[in-house]
Amino acid sequence: MDRISQLSDDLLIEILSLVPTKDAVAVSTLSKRWMSLWTLVPRLIFYDYFDEDDEYYYYSSEYFDHKEKHAKRLSRFVSGTLLLHKAAALESFYLKSATECSPSEVGLWVRIAVERFVRDLKIIFYGHHGLVHLPSNFFRCETLETLVLDRLIVSEVPCRCSFGSLKKLQLLSLKYSDDESFSRLTSSCPVLEDLVVETCLSDNVVTFTVNVPSLQSLFVRTQSTWQINIPDYHLFVIHSYSMNQLKVAGYRGKFDVIGDMPKFVKANFQSVCRHDKAVESSCFVKPLCVFDEEVVSLEICTHEYKSTMVVNAFQHSTKLQVLKLVYKPLCVLPRYVPECLLHHLKTFEWRDYEGTKYEKEVAIYILNNARRLVTATIYPLARKHCVFEELEIASRGSRACDLTMG
């Protein structure tokens, strides 16, 4: 007898819950004992990929016929799976689809998942946005702990919503009906701790208002696009109560932080910056919005040259203790040593370090003047020891500083 057959049903069900539902159903044909086990799996995962690589095929009539048939097969499979599924409670329901599903059908699947006390719900569309008629019970789901909505067209959000258990929320490239739709979704989560928002060009929102007292971490990013010269007119109004971490990637709109600035800030401009003006016109209208005196940990990631962000950090983040860089500087360093270097900076890290003239100037400036520095880690882009040796022989303001090559 094979070893797998000796496992208990509970363990087999746990194994089946780790793979896409299509594979779990297929495996059930291996033996009679497995026939009904997949119906007890607490996680339903539907991954649907559609091959669109053939450009000629893409523009042919056969493409649309095949895509329609593919969507119907997906619909039948998901509906049939939910009909036969017997687990009393549904831990997770994932739908990742590249085909256009019926808005009402997806709404029905969500309704069934909510009725099964789903805790982790992810609806993700690839390519074009998908319209979904979210059911009324979804907006009153008290069991949801994690929710991910990606490339959905959210037609209506009722005035009264309640997600009493939701702690992690990702709203990615959604199309809303108006500003209030976003506000209603986020403000209806009394215990929300982690929020990720991805903006897109046609999301129909001008002002994203984040007013969640329980929020600990906010990550704002922009959907990847090659149209980098298009201005970003979005505004994020953030009411900061107990939030301690703010991350930004590619977002070039405005911020207005009301309340205490988070102590841990990560500013990542790598995904959108392609020319000199990108950083100058990017997300932070007020330097203090990112480089605030209360910030103790700052990570700056940009491949833009002529960036002055590190200088701004030195000048404004007077209590900075941790500084991490993926950075290409070309700036005039402060004549007077900033307070954060003299009294607070303890950890310094630089990735993709090439050892250019300007990079070396900034690195040596930090090593020379950071009197409380404990660890400094340099990650050379080409793993050149000579680049690291130039820093190793430089004088250091802190005798306790341990300089290493990562």
Foldseek 3Di string as FASTA:
>chain_A
DDPVVVDDLVVVLVVLQVDALVVLCVVLVPDVVSNLSSLQRQEHAAAEDDDPPDPVLNPDPVVVVVLVVSQVVSLVVLVVSLVSRDHQAHAEYEDEYAGAHDQVSVQVSQVSNLVRLYAAYEYHYPDAAYEHDHDPVVQARQRHAEYYYERYEDEDDDQDGAHARHAYYEAYAYAYPEQVNQVSVQQRYQQHAYYEYEYEDRNRYAENEHDHQNYAEYEYEYDFDPPLVDARRHEYEYEYHNHAEYEYECAFHEYHYHDDAHQAYEYANARRDDADCDVVRGYYPDLCNGLACNHAEYEYHHPYEQDCNVQSNLAHNLQHAYYEYADHYDDDHDPDGGNCQQPHHAYEEYACDALDPVSVVVLLSSFARNANYQEYEYEHNVPDVVSVVVSVPRHGNYPNYDYYYD
